[in-house]
Structure formats: C-alpha cells, structure tokens
N, C-alpha and C. Protein backbone atom coordinates (compact mmCIF):
# COMPACT_ATOMS: atom_id res chain seq x y z
N UNK A 1 0.69 -0.99 0.21
CA UNK A 1 0.39 -0.16 -0.48
C UNK A 1 0.97 1.59 0.08
N UNK A 2 2.02 1.18 0.52
CA UNK A 2 2.79 2.45 0.63
C UNK A 2 3.33 2.66 -0.96
N UNK A 3 3.65 1.45 -1.27
CA UNK A 3 4.39 1.91 -2.54
C UNK A 3 3.65 2.53 -3.91
N UNK A 4 2.19 2.20 -3.44
CA UNK A 4 1.40 2.83 -4.48
C UNK A 4 1.39 4.33 -4.02
N UNK A 5 1.63 4.68 -3.17
CA UNK A 5 0.70 5.64 -2.31
C UNK A 5 2.40 6.55 -3.14
N UNK A 6 3.80 5.97 -2.66
CA UNK A 6 4.93 6.24 -3.20
C UNK A 6 4.63 6.87 -4.75
N UNK A 7 4.52 5.64 -5.59
CA UNK A 7 4.47 6.22 -6.92
C UNK A 7 3.34 6.69 -7.33
N UNK A 8 2.17 7.70 -6.38
CA UNK A 8 1.23 8.20 -6.94
C UNK A 8 1.80 9.98 -6.62
N UNK A 9 2.63 9.80 -5.06
CA UNK A 9 2.96 10.87 -4.93
C UNK A 9 4.23 11.78 -6.46
N UNK A 10 4.54 10.66 -6.95
CA UNK A 10 6.06 10.90 -7.48
C UNK A 10 5.29 11.23 -9.42
N UNK A 11 4.01 11.10 -9.25
CA UNK A 11 3.61 10.93 -9.94
C UNK A 11 2.70 12.34 -10.23
N UNK A 12 2.75 13.11 -9.05
CA UNK A 12 1.56 14.22 -8.63
C UNK A 12 2.56 15.42 -8.77
N UNK A 13 4.30 14.67 -8.07
CA UNK A 13 5.27 15.55 -8.24
C UNK A 13 6.18 16.36 -9.59
N UNK A 14 5.38 14.59 -10.81
CA UNK A 14 5.61 14.90 -12.07
C UNK A 14 5.22 16.30 -13.29
N UNK A 15 3.44 15.75 -13.06
CA UNK A 15 2.13 16.71 -12.96
C UNK A 15 2.88 18.24 -12.84
N UNK A 16 3.17 18.06 -11.57
CA UNK A 16 3.32 19.55 -11.65
C UNK A 16 4.28 20.23 -11.78
N UNK A 17 5.76 19.33 -11.93
CA UNK A 17 6.81 20.42 -12.31
C UNK A 17 6.83 20.73 -14.18
N UNK A 18 5.76 19.50 -14.54
CA UNK A 18 5.70 19.34 -16.22
C UNK A 18 4.74 20.85 -16.70
N UNK A 19 4.10 21.42 -15.83
CA UNK A 19 3.23 22.70 -16.15
C UNK A 19 3.85 24.08 -16.62
N UNK A 20 5.58 23.74 -16.57
CA UNK A 20 6.23 25.58 -17.35
C UNK A 20 6.21 24.74 -18.67
N UNK A 21 6.66 25.97 -19.37
CA UNK A 21 6.09 25.87 -20.98
C UNK A 21 7.00 25.12 -21.87
N UNK A 22 6.83 24.98 -23.55
CA UNK A 22 7.40 24.50 -24.08
C UNK A 22 8.69 24.74 -23.94
N UNK A 23 9.98 23.95 -24.29
CA UNK A 23 11.30 24.70 -24.89
C UNK A 23 11.25 25.37 -25.87
N UNK A 24 10.26 25.28 -26.54
CA UNK A 24 9.74 26.00 -28.04
C UNK A 24 9.87 27.36 -27.90
N UNK A 25 8.39 27.60 -26.94
CA UNK A 25 7.51 28.31 -26.32
C UNK A 25 9.03 29.72 -25.83
N UNK A 26 10.22 29.43 -25.27
CA UNK A 26 11.27 30.36 -24.98
C UNK A 26 10.76 31.75 -25.49
N UNK A 27 11.79 32.35 -24.61
CA UNK A 27 12.29 33.63 -25.27
C UNK A 27 13.31 33.84 -25.46
N UNK A 28 13.84 34.33 -26.20
CA UNK A 28 15.66 34.18 -26.84
C UNK A 28 16.56 35.41 -26.68
N UNK A 29 16.62 36.06 -26.53
CA UNK A 29 17.60 37.37 -26.81
C UNK A 29 18.59 37.15 -26.99
N UNK A 30 19.41 37.87 -27.70
CA UNK A 30 20.52 37.87 -28.69
C UNK A 30 21.63 38.56 -27.68
N UNK A 31 21.09 39.62 -27.16
CA UNK A 31 22.15 40.09 -26.72
C UNK A 31 22.38 38.76 -25.46
N UNK A 32 22.06 38.30 -24.90
CA UNK A 32 22.44 37.87 -23.74
C UNK A 32 23.35 37.34 -24.25
N UNK A 33 23.77 36.89 -25.41
CA UNK A 33 24.80 36.41 -26.14
C UNK A 33 26.34 37.04 -27.36
N UNK A 34 25.70 37.93 -27.48
CA UNK A 34 25.97 38.96 -28.17
C UNK A 34 26.06 40.04 -28.24
N UNK A 35 27.61 40.77 -28.24
CA UNK A 35 27.71 42.17 -27.82
C UNK A 35 26.63 43.83 -28.53
N UNK A 36 26.21 43.60 -28.77
CA UNK A 36 25.20 44.65 -29.40
C UNK A 36 24.61 45.62 -28.67
N UNK A 37 25.29 47.02 -28.98
CA UNK A 37 24.93 47.69 -28.08
C UNK A 37 23.70 48.80 -28.98
N UNK A 38 23.06 49.16 -27.95
CA UNK A 38 21.18 49.53 -28.26
C UNK A 38 21.45 50.47 -30.15
N UNK A 39 20.67 50.46 -30.80
CA UNK A 39 20.76 51.21 -32.12
C UNK A 39 21.81 50.71 -32.95
N UNK A 40 22.35 49.74 -32.56
CA UNK A 40 23.14 49.59 -33.50
C UNK A 40 23.00 47.89 -34.03
N UNK A 41 22.40 47.11 -34.18
CA UNK A 41 21.86 45.78 -33.99
C UNK A 41 22.49 45.32 -35.51
N UNK A 42 21.21 46.23 -36.20
CA UNK A 42 21.33 45.82 -38.43
C UNK A 42 23.57 45.56 -38.00
N UNK A 43 23.96 46.12 -38.00
CA UNK A 43 25.35 46.57 -38.37
C UNK A 43 25.75 45.25 -37.27
N UNK A 44 25.83 44.51 -36.19
CA UNK A 44 26.53 43.95 -35.75
C UNK A 44 25.37 42.57 -36.04
N UNK A 45 24.75 42.71 -36.44
CA UNK A 45 23.93 41.80 -36.92
C UNK A 45 24.53 41.03 -38.29
N UNK A 46 24.44 42.11 -39.18
CA UNK A 46 25.58 41.67 -40.56
C UNK A 46 26.27 41.45 -40.16
N UNK A 47 27.47 41.86 -39.41
CA UNK A 47 28.78 41.81 -38.68
C UNK A 47 29.61 40.38 -38.75
N UNK A 48 28.67 39.74 -37.95
CA UNK A 48 28.20 38.26 -37.05
C UNK A 48 28.35 37.60 -37.61
N UNK A 49 27.24 38.20 -38.87
CA UNK A 49 26.66 36.98 -39.82
C UNK A 49 27.44 36.64 -41.35
N UNK A 50 28.70 37.19 -41.12
CA UNK A 50 29.82 37.11 -41.94
C UNK A 50 31.05 37.44 -41.69
N UNK A 51 31.58 37.40 -40.43
CA UNK A 51 32.70 37.25 -39.32
C UNK A 51 32.97 35.88 -38.92
N UNK A 52 31.89 35.51 -38.31
CA UNK A 52 31.88 34.43 -37.71
C UNK A 52 32.43 33.24 -38.84
N UNK A 53 31.29 33.14 -39.63
CA UNK A 53 31.53 31.93 -40.08
C UNK A 53 32.63 31.60 -41.21
N UNK A 54 33.59 33.14 -41.48
CA UNK A 54 34.09 33.11 -42.31
C UNK A 54 35.85 32.99 -41.23
N UNK A 55 35.63 33.04 -40.72
CA UNK A 55 37.32 32.99 -39.72
C UNK A 55 36.65 31.43 -39.15
N UNK A 56 35.23 31.03 -38.78
CA UNK A 56 35.62 29.91 -38.59
C UNK A 56 35.51 28.48 -39.88
N UNK A 57 35.66 28.98 -40.88
CA UNK A 57 36.35 28.18 -41.81
C UNK A 57 37.35 28.38 -42.64
N UNK A 58 38.68 29.43 -41.99
CA UNK A 58 39.10 30.49 -41.92
C UNK A 58 40.46 28.74 -41.08
N UNK A 59 39.75 29.40 -39.93
CA UNK A 59 40.13 27.99 -39.36
C UNK A 59 40.24 27.09 -39.02
N UNK A 60 39.21 26.14 -39.56
CA UNK A 60 39.59 24.62 -40.10
C UNK A 60 40.07 24.84 -41.38
N UNK A 61 40.17 25.15 -42.27
CA UNK A 61 41.37 25.36 -42.99
C UNK A 61 42.35 25.39 -42.89
N UNK A 62 43.05 26.26 -42.11
CA UNK A 62 44.38 25.97 -41.44
C UNK A 62 44.41 25.06 -40.30
N UNK A 63 43.69 23.80 -40.14
CA UNK A 63 44.28 22.74 -39.11
C UNK A 63 44.18 21.40 -40.67
N UNK A 64 42.76 21.82 -41.15
CA UNK A 64 42.44 20.14 -41.48
C UNK A 64 43.10 19.98 -42.90
N UNK A 65 42.98 21.87 -43.45
CA UNK A 65 43.26 20.81 -44.26
C UNK A 65 45.10 21.28 -44.68
N UNK A 66 45.49 22.80 -44.43
CA UNK A 66 46.79 22.89 -44.29
C UNK A 66 48.11 22.20 -43.21
N UNK A 67 47.15 21.70 -42.50
CA UNK A 67 47.81 21.01 -41.53
C UNK A 67 48.30 21.66 -40.55
N UNK A 68 47.46 22.64 -40.00
CA UNK A 68 48.42 23.48 -39.22
C UNK A 68 49.51 24.32 -39.34
N UNK A 69 50.13 24.58 -40.97
CA UNK A 69 51.41 24.63 -41.46
C UNK A 69 50.76 25.70 -41.94
N UNK A 70 52.15 27.35 -41.73
CA UNK A 70 51.04 28.20 -42.26
C UNK A 70 51.76 28.78 -43.77
N UNK A 71 52.95 27.85 -43.38
CA UNK A 71 53.38 28.11 -45.32
C UNK A 71 52.34 27.65 -46.47
N UNK A 72 51.93 25.89 -45.45
CA UNK A 72 50.85 25.67 -46.26
C UNK A 72 49.34 26.03 -46.80
N UNK A 73 48.91 26.69 -45.12
CA UNK A 73 48.06 27.80 -45.37
C UNK A 73 47.79 29.16 -46.37
N UNK A 74 48.79 29.36 -46.81
CA UNK A 74 49.62 30.81 -47.72
C UNK A 74 48.99 30.12 -48.87
N UNK A 75 49.17 28.64 -49.02
CA UNK A 75 49.40 27.94 -50.47
C UNK A 75 47.94 28.18 -51.32
N UNK A 76 47.31 28.01 -49.84
CA UNK A 76 45.61 28.13 -50.63
C UNK A 76 44.57 29.39 -51.27
N UNK A 77 43.71 29.04 -52.30
CA UNK A 77 43.01 30.01 -52.66
C UNK A 77 42.62 31.00 -51.65
N UNK A 78 43.28 31.56 -50.18
CA UNK A 78 42.19 32.21 -49.56
C UNK A 78 40.93 34.06 -50.87
N UNK A 79 41.76 33.90 -51.99
CA UNK A 79 40.93 34.99 -52.41
C UNK A 79 39.18 34.15 -52.66
N UNK A 80 38.50 33.17 -53.10
CA UNK A 80 37.59 32.45 -52.52
C UNK A 80 36.64 32.42 -51.51
N UNK A 81 36.72 33.53 -51.28
CA UNK A 81 36.25 34.22 -49.62
C UNK A 81 34.66 33.20 -49.43
N UNK A 82 33.86 33.53 -50.50
CA UNK A 82 32.76 32.64 -50.23
C UNK A 82 32.43 31.17 -49.90
N UNK A 83 33.53 30.20 -50.37
CA UNK A 83 33.72 29.60 -50.32
C UNK A 83 34.26 29.02 -48.80
N UNK A 84 35.32 29.56 -48.42
CA UNK A 84 35.64 29.94 -47.05
C UNK A 84 34.99 30.20 -46.18
N UNK A 85 34.19 30.88 -46.39
CA UNK A 85 32.42 31.55 -45.75
C UNK A 85 31.48 30.37 -44.97
N UNK A 86 31.43 29.53 -46.69
CA UNK A 86 29.85 28.54 -46.54
C UNK A 86 30.86 27.30 -45.58
N UNK A 87 32.31 26.97 -46.21
CA UNK A 87 32.51 25.93 -45.03
C UNK A 87 32.23 25.99 -43.49
N UNK A 88 32.79 27.63 -42.96
CA UNK A 88 32.25 27.80 -41.79
C UNK A 88 31.18 28.28 -41.87
N UNK A 89 30.14 28.55 -42.30
CA UNK A 89 29.20 28.54 -41.91
C UNK A 89 28.26 27.42 -41.90
N UNK A 90 29.17 25.74 -42.56
CA UNK A 90 28.19 24.39 -42.31
C UNK A 90 28.96 24.81 -40.74
N UNK A 91 29.86 24.45 -40.84
CA UNK A 91 30.67 24.23 -39.22
C UNK A 91 29.82 25.18 -38.17
N UNK A 92 29.36 26.38 -38.14
CA UNK A 92 28.69 26.78 -36.83
C UNK A 92 27.27 26.64 -37.07
N UNK A 93 26.85 26.77 -38.42
CA UNK A 93 25.36 25.91 -38.25
C UNK A 93 25.31 24.30 -37.84
N UNK A 94 26.19 23.81 -37.43
CA UNK A 94 26.22 22.45 -37.32
C UNK A 94 26.67 22.55 -36.04
N UNK A 95 27.17 23.34 -35.13
CA UNK A 95 27.69 23.57 -33.57
C UNK A 95 26.56 23.79 -33.06
N UNK A 96 25.81 24.90 -33.79
CA UNK A 96 24.74 25.46 -33.13
C UNK A 96 23.18 24.70 -32.83
N UNK A 97 23.05 23.74 -33.40
CA UNK A 97 22.88 22.94 -33.95
C UNK A 97 21.98 21.71 -32.92
N UNK A 98 23.77 21.19 -32.57
CA UNK A 98 24.13 20.87 -31.46
C UNK A 98 24.60 21.45 -30.20
N UNK A 99 24.58 22.26 -30.18
CA UNK A 99 23.92 23.48 -28.87
C UNK A 99 23.36 23.27 -28.54
N UNK A 100 21.92 23.38 -29.29
CA UNK A 100 20.05 23.70 -28.83
C UNK A 100 19.31 22.08 -28.51
N UNK A 101 20.51 21.29 -28.85
CA UNK A 101 19.62 19.86 -29.72
C UNK A 101 20.24 19.43 -27.45
N UNK A 102 21.07 20.24 -26.95
CA UNK A 102 21.68 19.79 -25.49
C UNK A 102 20.99 20.56 -24.61
N UNK A 103 20.48 21.78 -25.31
CA UNK A 103 19.86 22.47 -24.39
C UNK A 103 18.49 22.09 -24.15
N UNK A 104 18.20 21.60 -25.12
CA UNK A 104 16.55 20.86 -25.41
C UNK A 104 16.25 19.92 -24.30
N UNK A 105 17.48 18.72 -24.46
CA UNK A 105 18.25 17.55 -23.58
C UNK A 105 18.02 18.58 -22.52
N UNK A 106 18.78 18.97 -21.75
CA UNK A 106 18.40 19.64 -20.36
C UNK A 106 17.58 19.93 -20.17
N UNK A 107 16.79 20.88 -21.07
CA UNK A 107 15.49 21.48 -20.27
C UNK A 107 14.21 20.53 -20.06
N UNK A 108 14.31 18.77 -20.61
CA UNK A 108 13.65 18.13 -20.70
C UNK A 108 13.35 17.24 -19.85
N UNK A 109 15.09 16.85 -19.36
CA UNK A 109 15.46 16.34 -18.11
C UNK A 109 14.58 17.05 -16.56
N UNK A 110 15.06 18.76 -17.09
CA UNK A 110 14.40 19.67 -16.09
C UNK A 110 13.33 19.03 -15.22
N UNK A 111 12.61 19.28 -16.34
CA UNK A 111 11.16 19.06 -16.53
C UNK A 111 10.93 17.71 -15.39
C-alpha cells in the first residue's frame, strides 16, 4: 500500500513540474550572447553573420586542410571568400544545432 502511495506522490510531483512552458515557447534574446549596443543591431547582426563563419572556415582550413602549417595555409587560394565562408557557415550551423539539441535535452530532463 505504501508503494502505491509513493508512486502516486511521484506522479503528482511530475505533473506539477511539467506545467512550465514548452522548450520552443521560450524567448531568446541575442543580446545575452553577443555584444550589441542599442541602435546598432543591424550592423552587428550583419558583421556577426559574415565574420563568424569566415573566421571559422579559415581556422578549419588552417588545421584540417593545411595541417596547421602556415606555409601550406598561405598556398591556399583565400580569394575564394565565399567558399571559406560557406565551410565556416556549415561548421557554425552544425555546432549551433548540437548546442540547441543539448539545451533541449537538459530542459526536458529538468521538467
């Protein structure tokens, strides 16, 4: 009898904690993650959208393609900025999606 009461109490606690909003209904404020003074959001969003993937792509090319050798890195055609940016964009997108997935899993476990 005590086991049934214990299970019922656990179920009631789970139902009470599940009443918080869904993961996708949370508000996201990018100013918590990126430096962005008021009134200059458009400039900074554009800068981050262009610079972060390009730098990430250049770092990836330096370590993965050039083997960490600066001489080999300088032999690469860095004039193909869109290709470097696209490589970095894919890396940033993958890392972002994995980060969101980990936040979702942690959010689901907290509930």
